[in-house]
């Protein structure tokens, strides 16, 4: 029960902080970017430190970085397919999933294994 309360409080505070940062920045499309992933990641890492220690949290942070690198490639390909290939967003995202999986496994094999 203590862990759930901590997740609620820490997550809420961090989400609020990032929402304020996103609201201050221009363009307003950054608000969604700063409202979701960073706040959840920080809450998860702080909980990992409290529950399992710094070494476990460091491994989790490295995994998050690897996932972010794979997502960067995935998002870049999707944007390229939609802009230059004139594909519909749904088709571009489905086609990009293979690249994301390839990149995620590649980063895991190269760095995290």
Protein backbone atom coordinates (compact mmCIF):
# COMPACT_ATOMS: atom_id res chain seq x y z
CA UNK A 1 0.00 0.00 0.00
CA UNK A 2 2.89 2.33 0.80
CA UNK A 3 4.31 1.82 -2.72
CA UNK A 4 0.98 2.73 -4.34
CA UNK A 5 0.72 5.93 -2.30
CA UNK A 6 4.30 6.84 -3.21
CA UNK A 7 3.60 6.23 -6.91
CA UNK A 8 0.52 8.43 -6.72
CA UNK A 9 2.24 11.31 -4.92
CA UNK A 10 5.57 11.21 -6.78
CA UNK A 11 3.92 10.65 -10.14
CA UNK A 12 1.42 13.45 -9.58
CA UNK A 13 4.06 15.94 -8.49
CA UNK A 14 6.41 15.12 -11.33
CA UNK A 15 3.62 15.16 -13.94
CA UNK A 16 2.50 18.55 -12.64
CA UNK A 17 6.05 19.91 -12.80
CA UNK A 18 6.56 18.73 -16.37
CA UNK A 19 3.12 20.01 -17.38
CA UNK A 20 4.09 23.47 -16.12
CA UNK A 21 7.37 23.30 -18.07
CA UNK A 22 5.49 22.19 -21.18
CA UNK A 23 2.98 24.98 -20.77
CA UNK A 24 5.71 27.61 -20.60
CA UNK A 25 7.54 26.39 -23.72
CA UNK A 26 6.58 27.30 -27.27
CA UNK A 27 5.10 25.66 -29.34
CA UNK A 28 2.40 24.21 -27.15
CA UNK A 29 2.89 20.80 -28.76
CA UNK A 30 5.76 20.30 -26.28
CA UNK A 31 3.22 20.11 -23.45
CA UNK A 32 2.32 16.52 -24.29
CA UNK A 33 5.95 15.55 -24.64
CA UNK A 34 6.85 16.90 -21.22
CA UNK A 35 3.65 15.68 -19.57
CA UNK A 36 4.03 11.97 -20.15
CA UNK A 37 7.25 10.03 -20.62
CA UNK A 38 9.76 12.00 -18.52
CA UNK A 39 7.47 12.24 -15.53
CA UNK A 40 6.60 8.54 -15.57
CA UNK A 41 10.26 7.61 -16.03
CA UNK A 42 11.38 9.73 -13.08
CA UNK A 43 8.65 8.36 -10.83
CA UNK A 44 9.54 4.80 -11.87
CA UNK A 45 13.26 5.35 -11.27
CA UNK A 46 12.74 6.94 -7.87
CA UNK A 47 10.53 4.03 -6.86
CA UNK A 48 13.14 1.58 -8.17
CA UNK A 49 15.82 3.28 -6.06
CA UNK A 50 13.68 3.07 -2.94
CA UNK A 51 12.59 -0.52 -3.56
CA UNK A 52 15.61 -2.20 -5.13
CA UNK A 53 18.59 0.11 -4.80
CA UNK A 54 20.71 2.28 -7.06
CA UNK A 55 22.24 -0.51 -9.15
CA UNK A 56 18.83 -1.82 -10.17
CA UNK A 57 17.65 1.71 -10.98
CA UNK A 58 20.76 2.28 -13.09
CA UNK A 59 19.94 -0.83 -15.12
CA UNK A 60 16.38 0.41 -15.54
CA UNK A 61 17.65 3.82 -16.66
CA UNK A 62 19.93 2.23 -19.26
CA UNK A 63 16.98 0.22 -20.55
CA UNK A 64 14.92 3.40 -20.81
CA UNK A 65 17.69 5.06 -22.80
CA UNK A 66 17.90 2.09 -25.16
CA UNK A 67 14.14 2.23 -25.67
CA UNK A 68 14.34 5.96 -26.35
CA UNK A 69 17.03 5.45 -29.00
CA UNK A 70 14.92 2.80 -30.73
CA UNK A 71 11.88 5.07 -30.52
CA UNK A 72 13.84 7.95 -32.07
CA UNK A 73 14.59 5.82 -35.13
CA UNK A 74 11.00 4.60 -35.25
CA UNK A 75 9.57 8.12 -35.07
CA UNK A 76 12.00 9.40 -37.70
CA UNK A 77 11.04 6.64 -40.12
CA UNK A 78 7.33 7.20 -39.50
CA UNK A 79 7.66 10.92 -40.17
CA UNK A 80 9.64 10.23 -43.32
CA UNK A 81 7.09 7.71 -44.57
CA UNK A 82 4.23 10.14 -43.96
CA UNK A 83 5.95 13.19 -45.45
CA UNK A 84 7.95 11.82 -48.34
CA UNK A 85 6.14 8.56 -48.93
CA UNK A 86 2.70 10.15 -48.50
CA UNK A 87 1.53 7.19 -46.46
CA UNK A 88 -1.38 7.27 -44.05
CA UNK A 89 -0.32 7.54 -40.40
CA UNK A 90 -1.70 4.11 -39.48
CA UNK A 91 0.20 2.38 -42.29
CA UNK A 92 3.43 4.28 -41.54
CA UNK A 93 3.32 3.35 -37.86
CA UNK A 94 2.67 -0.32 -38.58
CA UNK A 95 5.51 -0.44 -41.12
CA UNK A 96 7.82 1.33 -38.66
CA UNK A 97 7.24 -1.22 -35.90
CA UNK A 98 9.63 -3.68 -37.53
CA UNK A 99 12.38 -1.06 -37.48
CA UNK A 100 11.65 -0.26 -33.84
CA UNK A 101 11.94 -3.94 -32.90
CA UNK A 102 15.17 -4.30 -34.89
CA UNK A 103 16.68 -1.20 -33.23
CA UNK A 104 15.55 -2.18 -29.73
CA UNK A 105 17.05 -5.67 -30.05
CA UNK A 106 20.21 -4.22 -31.63
CA UNK A 107 20.74 -1.73 -28.82
CA UNK A 108 20.07 -4.44 -26.25
CA UNK A 109 22.60 -6.77 -27.85
CA UNK A 110 25.22 -4.06 -28.27
CA UNK A 111 24.91 -2.27 -24.95
CA UNK A 112 22.73 -3.96 -22.36
CA UNK A 113 23.44 -7.65 -22.69
